[in-house]
Amino acid sequence: MTRTAAAFTAVLLLSLSSTPATAQQVDRTSATAAQAGDIQRFRLGDLRITALSDGTVPQDLHELLLGITPKEVDNLLDRAFLKNPVEASINAFLLETSEGLVLIDAGAGEVFGPGYGGRLVDSLAVAGVEPSQIRHVLITHVHSDHSGGLVVKGRPLFPNAVIHVGKPDVDFFLGARGAERLGYAERYFSEAETALRPYLNRGRLKTFEDGEEILPGVTAAIHPGHTPGAAFFTVRSGPAAMVFIGDTVHVSAVQLPRPGVTIVYDFVPDQASAVRRQALDLFAQERTLVAAPHLPFPGIGHLRRDGEGYAWVPAEYVDRD
């Protein structure tokens, strides 16, 4: 597990930066336009869902992936016209519901430093939303690329929101001591304290259990492995449904054709691998629409079987009212 801590420290998790022309602030003295926020809107029944970019970060897959050789990684990346290190997206998702605005995951915030994530507020601005308007934030798991954006300089970014986190993650990251922490990077725990404690102290942190309906039409399913309380959220609007799958897949070019490949961020790698295999098989069989934080922005689409593995099929792009 020492490799886990070292790789986490050296590389750090994820974040994205794709920018529509209308959101760019162009420096006329330079040929390069500054990056701003990026969004893409989708309909799910009567709901409008907006994918929000928090940026991208480079990932050295030779250091991060387990159960596969660097040469095998490079061969799979080559098939996808990629090279190591790869850019990993950090996607969050905004739901317009009867309960108000609901955010699923909060990006990395300040955790990785300037230029590596932290674009969520810009993307919300492009969507016409202020952080104070968010009423609920659903966290798929406590890792800092999903919860770091909850705070700015230690203060809540979403002062009017209730933060919903799986109870096993809260118990572990805010409560684990001594031997329970052995082998897992200490920064996971300190970053969880920074992100969640301000909301807990204000009575705005709420935990959920497996199978619980968090909000009308939004149900949580806990799938331990990546973290103890890693969750899927199923959102329904009439007959339409979408599943927000958290970190089931980090690197689609590798883990879809080779779903047994794990990553050093997994708390229990074998369990995380089993969750991925079962989930991908079910999603492919049932033609489930899914949203993923680390698949290329906007991270919404379907999975289909492809030989012994799976392939990603992005959702149809629509640009009209």
Protein backbone atom coordinates (compact mmCIF):
# COMPACT_ATOMS: atom_id res chain seq x y z
CA MET A 1 0.00 0.00 0.00
CA THR A 2 2.99 2.33 0.22
CA ARG A 3 2.73 2.59 -3.56
CA THR A 4 -0.79 3.92 -3.10
CA ALA A 5 0.33 6.79 -0.90
CA ALA A 6 3.34 7.60 -3.07
CA ALA A 7 1.37 7.62 -6.30
CA PHE A 8 -1.37 9.69 -4.78
CA THR A 9 1.13 12.25 -3.55
CA ALA A 10 3.04 12.35 -6.85
CA VAL A 11 0.17 12.41 -9.31
CA LEU A 12 -3.06 13.40 -7.53
CA LEU A 13 -6.54 12.68 -8.75
CA LEU A 14 -8.40 14.41 -11.55
CA SER A 15 -9.89 17.63 -13.24
CA LEU A 16 -11.09 19.10 -16.68
CA SER A 17 -11.05 22.17 -18.98
CA SER A 18 -13.16 22.40 -22.13
CA THR A 19 -14.54 25.83 -22.99
CA PRO A 20 -17.34 27.08 -25.22
CA ALA A 21 -16.43 30.16 -27.22
CA THR A 22 -19.11 32.22 -25.49
CA ALA A 23 -17.49 31.55 -22.11
CA GLN A 24 -13.92 32.39 -23.12
CA GLN A 25 -12.29 35.66 -22.16
CA VAL A 26 -9.97 36.36 -25.08
CA ASP A 27 -6.68 38.16 -24.54
CA ARG A 28 -6.29 40.16 -27.77
CA THR A 29 -2.51 40.37 -27.24
CA SER A 30 -2.21 36.60 -27.25
CA ALA A 31 -3.18 33.80 -29.59
CA THR A 32 -4.32 31.74 -26.59
CA ALA A 33 -7.78 32.18 -25.06
CA ALA A 34 -8.07 31.73 -21.32
CA GLN A 35 -10.00 28.66 -20.17
CA ALA A 36 -13.28 29.25 -18.39
CA GLY A 37 -16.21 27.01 -17.48
CA ASP A 38 -17.86 24.46 -19.72
CA ILE A 39 -21.36 23.00 -19.61
CA GLN A 40 -23.63 20.74 -21.61
CA ARG A 41 -27.36 20.35 -21.00
CA PHE A 42 -29.48 17.21 -21.34
CA ARG A 43 -33.13 16.33 -20.83
CA LEU A 44 -34.24 13.43 -18.68
CA GLY A 45 -38.00 13.24 -18.82
CA ASP A 46 -39.18 16.49 -17.24
CA LEU A 47 -35.78 17.22 -15.68
CA ARG A 48 -32.99 19.33 -17.10
CA ILE A 49 -29.53 18.02 -16.25
CA THR A 50 -26.40 20.07 -16.86
CA ALA A 51 -22.95 18.50 -17.03
CA LEU A 52 -20.37 20.85 -15.49
CA SER A 53 -16.63 20.71 -16.09
CA ASP A 54 -14.25 21.16 -13.17
CA GLY A 55 -11.16 20.81 -15.38
CA THR A 56 -8.76 18.01 -16.30
CA VAL A 57 -5.52 16.75 -14.78
CA PRO A 58 -2.79 14.52 -16.23
CA GLN A 59 -2.63 10.96 -14.90
CA ASP A 60 0.47 8.76 -15.10
CA LEU A 61 -1.21 5.43 -15.68
CA HIS A 62 2.06 3.51 -15.39
CA GLU A 63 2.13 4.52 -11.73
CA LEU A 64 -1.59 4.42 -10.98
CA LEU A 65 -3.05 1.30 -12.57
CA LEU A 66 -2.74 -2.14 -10.97
CA GLY A 67 -3.04 -5.57 -12.56
CA ILE A 68 -1.63 -4.49 -15.92
CA THR A 69 1.86 -3.80 -17.29
CA PRO A 70 2.98 -0.39 -18.63
CA LYS A 71 3.36 -1.95 -22.08
CA GLU A 72 -0.22 -3.25 -22.02
CA VAL A 73 -1.40 0.17 -20.89
CA ASP A 74 0.43 1.85 -23.76
CA ASN A 75 -1.03 -0.60 -26.28
CA LEU A 76 -4.58 0.11 -25.11
CA LEU A 77 -3.97 3.85 -25.08
CA ASP A 78 -2.59 3.66 -28.62
CA ARG A 79 -5.84 2.02 -29.79
CA ALA A 80 -7.67 5.05 -28.36
CA PHE A 81 -5.22 7.54 -29.95
CA LEU A 82 -3.87 8.46 -26.51
CA LYS A 83 -0.50 8.49 -24.82
CA ASN A 84 0.56 8.29 -21.21
CA PRO A 85 0.00 10.45 -19.19
CA VAL A 86 -3.65 10.96 -20.08
CA GLU A 87 -5.93 13.85 -19.18
CA ALA A 88 -8.72 12.81 -16.82
CA SER A 89 -11.96 14.77 -16.65
CA ILE A 90 -13.60 15.90 -13.43
CA ASN A 91 -17.31 16.19 -14.16
CA ALA A 92 -20.09 17.32 -11.87
CA PHE A 93 -23.80 17.38 -12.66
CA LEU A 94 -26.58 19.85 -11.89
CA LEU A 95 -30.22 18.76 -11.61
CA GLU A 96 -33.17 21.17 -11.71
CA THR A 97 -35.75 19.48 -9.49
CA SER A 98 -38.87 20.22 -7.48
CA GLU A 99 -36.58 20.33 -4.43
CA GLY A 100 -34.48 23.08 -6.01
CA LEU A 101 -31.05 22.85 -7.60
CA VAL A 102 -29.21 19.62 -6.83
CA LEU A 103 -25.50 19.19 -7.51
CA ILE A 104 -23.96 15.74 -7.86
CA ASP A 105 -20.29 15.94 -6.81
CA ALA A 106 -18.43 19.19 -6.22
CA GLY A 107 -15.12 18.84 -8.03
CA ALA A 108 -11.65 19.34 -6.60
CA GLY A 109 -11.80 22.97 -5.55
CA GLU A 110 -8.40 24.20 -4.34
CA VAL A 111 -7.01 20.76 -3.49
CA PHE A 112 -4.73 20.25 -6.50
CA GLY A 113 -3.58 23.83 -6.92
CA PRO A 114 -4.03 26.37 -9.73
CA GLY A 115 -4.65 24.91 -13.17
CA TYR A 116 -5.71 21.48 -11.91
CA GLY A 117 -9.44 21.45 -11.36
CA GLY A 118 -11.33 24.10 -9.48
CA ARG A 119 -13.37 25.30 -12.48
CA LEU A 120 -16.77 24.28 -11.09
CA VAL A 121 -17.75 27.81 -10.03
CA ASP A 122 -16.90 29.07 -13.54
CA SER A 123 -19.03 26.34 -15.09
CA LEU A 124 -21.92 27.11 -12.74
CA ALA A 125 -21.65 30.75 -13.82
CA VAL A 126 -21.90 29.73 -17.48
CA ALA A 127 -25.07 27.83 -16.49
CA GLY A 128 -26.39 31.00 -14.81
CA VAL A 129 -26.17 29.57 -11.29
CA GLU A 130 -24.63 31.00 -8.10
CA PRO A 131 -23.34 28.54 -5.47
CA SER A 132 -25.78 30.04 -2.93
CA GLN A 133 -28.67 28.78 -5.09
CA ILE A 134 -27.73 25.12 -4.65
CA ARG A 135 -30.05 23.37 -2.18
CA HIS A 136 -28.57 19.87 -2.09
CA VAL A 137 -25.15 18.40 -2.94
CA LEU A 138 -24.93 14.62 -3.38
CA ILE A 139 -21.40 13.23 -3.03
CA THR A 140 -20.73 9.90 -4.74
CA HIS A 141 -17.75 9.37 -2.41
CA VAL A 142 -15.50 11.46 -0.21
CA HIS A 143 -12.30 11.56 -2.31
CA SER A 144 -11.15 15.15 -2.73
CA ASP A 145 -11.80 15.38 -6.48
CA HIS A 146 -15.48 14.96 -5.60
CA SER A 147 -15.70 16.82 -2.28
CA GLY A 148 -12.81 19.32 -2.33
CA GLY A 149 -14.97 21.89 -4.11
CA LEU A 150 -17.36 22.05 -1.17
CA VAL A 151 -15.16 24.65 0.52
CA VAL A 152 -13.13 27.73 -0.36
CA LYS A 153 -10.41 28.70 2.11
CA GLY A 154 -12.04 26.42 4.65
CA ARG A 155 -15.51 27.97 4.38
CA PRO A 156 -18.60 26.40 2.79
CA LEU A 157 -19.03 27.31 -0.86
CA PHE A 158 -22.68 26.18 -0.76
CA PRO A 159 -24.00 27.87 2.41
CA ASN A 160 -27.64 27.04 1.74
CA ALA A 161 -27.14 23.40 0.75
CA VAL A 162 -27.48 20.15 2.61
CA ILE A 163 -24.55 17.84 1.80
CA HIS A 164 -25.51 14.15 1.40
CA VAL A 165 -22.79 11.51 1.86
CA GLY A 166 -22.94 7.74 2.31
CA LYS A 167 -22.78 6.89 6.03
CA PRO A 168 -19.90 4.40 5.65
CA ASP A 169 -17.75 7.13 4.05
CA VAL A 170 -18.51 9.64 6.79
CA ASP A 171 -17.84 7.04 9.49
CA PHE A 172 -14.54 6.07 7.88
CA PHE A 173 -13.07 9.36 6.70
CA LEU A 174 -14.18 11.39 9.71
CA GLY A 175 -14.02 8.65 12.30
CA ALA A 176 -11.42 6.00 11.45
CA ARG A 177 -8.45 5.84 13.78
CA GLY A 178 -5.23 3.88 14.16
CA ALA A 179 -5.14 0.50 12.48
CA GLU A 180 -8.22 1.25 10.36
CA ARG A 181 -6.20 3.85 8.45
CA LEU A 182 -3.08 1.77 7.85
CA GLY A 183 -2.03 1.63 4.20
CA TYR A 184 -4.40 4.38 3.04
CA ALA A 185 -2.88 7.80 2.35
CA GLU A 186 -3.32 10.14 5.31
CA ARG A 187 -4.24 13.01 3.01
CA TYR A 188 -7.56 11.29 2.24
CA PHE A 189 -8.56 11.84 5.86
CA SER A 190 -7.26 15.39 6.24
CA GLU A 191 -8.91 16.47 2.98
CA ALA A 192 -12.21 14.90 4.09
CA GLU A 193 -12.00 16.87 7.33
CA THR A 194 -11.43 20.09 5.41
CA ALA A 195 -14.31 19.48 3.01
CA LEU A 196 -16.97 18.02 5.32
CA ARG A 197 -16.34 19.31 8.84
CA PRO A 198 -17.58 22.88 8.11
CA TYR A 199 -20.95 21.48 7.00
CA LEU A 200 -21.09 18.98 9.85
CA ASN A 201 -20.47 21.77 12.37
CA ARG A 202 -23.34 23.77 10.85
CA GLY A 203 -25.75 20.82 10.90
CA ARG A 204 -25.80 20.67 7.08
CA LEU A 205 -24.21 17.23 6.56
CA LYS A 206 -26.66 14.36 6.18
CA THR A 207 -25.75 10.71 5.71
CA PHE A 208 -27.67 8.11 3.74
CA GLU A 209 -27.88 4.32 3.77
CA ASP A 210 -27.99 1.81 0.93
CA GLY A 211 -31.31 1.92 -0.92
CA GLU A 212 -32.43 5.19 0.64
CA GLU A 213 -34.48 7.71 -1.34
CA ILE A 214 -32.48 10.87 -0.70
CA LEU A 215 -34.84 13.21 -2.52
CA PRO A 216 -38.03 12.56 -4.50
CA GLY A 217 -36.96 10.54 -7.54
CA VAL A 218 -33.34 10.18 -6.35
CA THR A 219 -32.24 6.87 -4.82
CA ALA A 220 -28.82 5.89 -3.49
CA ALA A 221 -27.12 2.49 -3.74
CA ILE A 222 -23.89 1.94 -1.80
CA HIS A 223 -21.23 -0.18 -3.51
CA PRO A 224 -18.16 -0.40 -1.24
CA GLY A 225 -14.77 -0.98 -2.80
CA HIS A 226 -13.45 2.26 -4.20
CA THR A 227 -14.31 3.75 -0.80
CA PRO A 228 -16.36 2.19 2.02
CA GLY A 229 -19.40 4.30 1.14
CA ALA A 230 -19.05 4.76 -2.63
CA ALA A 231 -22.52 5.32 -4.05
CA PHE A 232 -24.53 5.28 -7.24
CA PHE A 233 -27.46 7.70 -7.56
CA THR A 234 -30.42 6.70 -9.72
CA VAL A 235 -32.49 9.68 -10.88
CA ARG A 236 -35.94 9.06 -12.34
CA SER A 237 -38.37 11.33 -14.17
CA GLY A 238 -41.42 9.43 -15.34
CA PRO A 239 -40.20 6.38 -17.30
CA ALA A 240 -36.76 7.92 -17.88
CA ALA A 241 -33.81 7.13 -15.61
CA MET A 242 -30.12 7.91 -15.35
CA VAL A 243 -27.52 6.41 -13.01
CA PHE A 244 -24.66 8.53 -11.68
CA ILE A 245 -21.93 5.93 -11.25
CA GLY A 246 -19.14 7.71 -9.38
CA ASP A 247 -15.68 6.26 -9.86
CA THR A 248 -16.76 2.94 -11.33
CA VAL A 249 -14.43 3.79 -14.25
CA HIS A 250 -11.42 6.10 -14.09
CA VAL A 251 -9.76 5.41 -17.45
CA SER A 252 -12.18 4.27 -20.13
CA ALA A 253 -9.46 3.41 -22.68
CA VAL A 254 -8.04 0.80 -20.29
CA GLN A 255 -10.71 -0.24 -17.78
CA LEU A 256 -13.52 -0.80 -20.27
CA PRO A 257 -11.63 -3.36 -22.38
CA ARG A 258 -9.93 -4.65 -19.18
CA PRO A 259 -12.47 -4.20 -16.34
CA GLY A 260 -10.29 -6.16 -13.93
CA VAL A 261 -7.69 -3.38 -13.90
CA THR A 262 -7.79 -1.38 -10.67
CA ILE A 263 -6.26 1.91 -9.55
CA VAL A 264 -4.29 2.91 -6.48
CA TYR A 265 -7.16 5.11 -5.27
CA ASP A 266 -9.29 1.99 -4.59
CA PHE A 267 -9.62 1.24 -0.88
CA VAL A 268 -10.26 -2.47 -1.56
CA PRO A 269 -9.13 -3.10 -5.16
CA ASP A 270 -10.67 -6.57 -5.56
CA GLN A 271 -14.01 -5.28 -4.31
CA ALA A 272 -13.85 -2.26 -6.60
CA SER A 273 -13.10 -4.52 -9.57
CA ALA A 274 -16.07 -6.77 -8.74
CA VAL A 275 -18.38 -3.74 -8.49
CA ARG A 276 -17.16 -2.51 -11.89
CA ARG A 277 -17.68 -5.86 -13.62
CA GLN A 278 -21.18 -6.31 -12.20
CA ALA A 279 -22.24 -2.72 -12.86
CA LEU A 280 -20.93 -2.56 -16.43
CA ASP A 281 -22.56 -5.85 -17.28
CA LEU A 282 -25.91 -4.67 -15.90
CA PHE A 283 -25.68 -1.25 -17.60
CA ALA A 284 -24.87 -2.87 -20.94
CA GLN A 285 -27.67 -5.43 -20.64
CA GLU A 286 -30.29 -2.89 -19.61
CA ARG A 287 -29.04 -0.10 -21.91
CA THR A 288 -28.84 2.20 -18.90
CA LEU A 289 -28.05 5.87 -19.39
CA VAL A 290 -25.15 6.68 -17.07
CA ALA A 291 -23.19 9.73 -15.96
CA ALA A 292 -19.55 9.33 -14.96
CA PRO A 293 -17.27 11.88 -13.28
CA HIS A 294 -14.07 10.81 -15.04
CA LEU A 295 -15.09 9.79 -18.53
CA PRO A 296 -14.36 12.49 -21.12
CA PHE A 297 -16.61 15.51 -20.60
CA PRO A 298 -19.59 15.58 -20.45
CA GLY A 299 -19.41 11.95 -19.29
CA ILE A 300 -23.00 10.98 -20.17
CA GLY A 301 -23.78 8.00 -22.36
CA HIS A 302 -24.25 4.24 -22.60
CA LEU A 303 -22.11 1.14 -22.33
CA ARG A 304 -22.23 -1.83 -24.66
CA ARG A 305 -20.47 -5.16 -24.66
CA ASP A 306 -17.37 -5.30 -26.85
CA GLY A 307 -15.76 -8.73 -26.89
CA GLU A 308 -14.59 -9.57 -23.36
CA GLY A 309 -14.97 -5.94 -22.29
CA TYR A 310 -17.12 -2.90 -22.91
CA ALA A 311 -17.23 0.21 -25.08
CA TRP A 312 -18.44 3.72 -24.28
CA VAL A 313 -21.11 5.34 -26.46
CA PRO A 314 -21.55 9.07 -25.70
CA ALA A 315 -25.10 10.39 -25.49
CA GLU A 316 -26.48 12.07 -28.59
CA TYR A 317 -25.55 15.75 -28.75
CA VAL A 318 -28.51 18.13 -29.00
CA ASP A 319 -28.10 21.91 -29.41
CA ARG A 320 -31.62 23.35 -29.66
CA ASP A 321 -34.54 24.21 -27.41
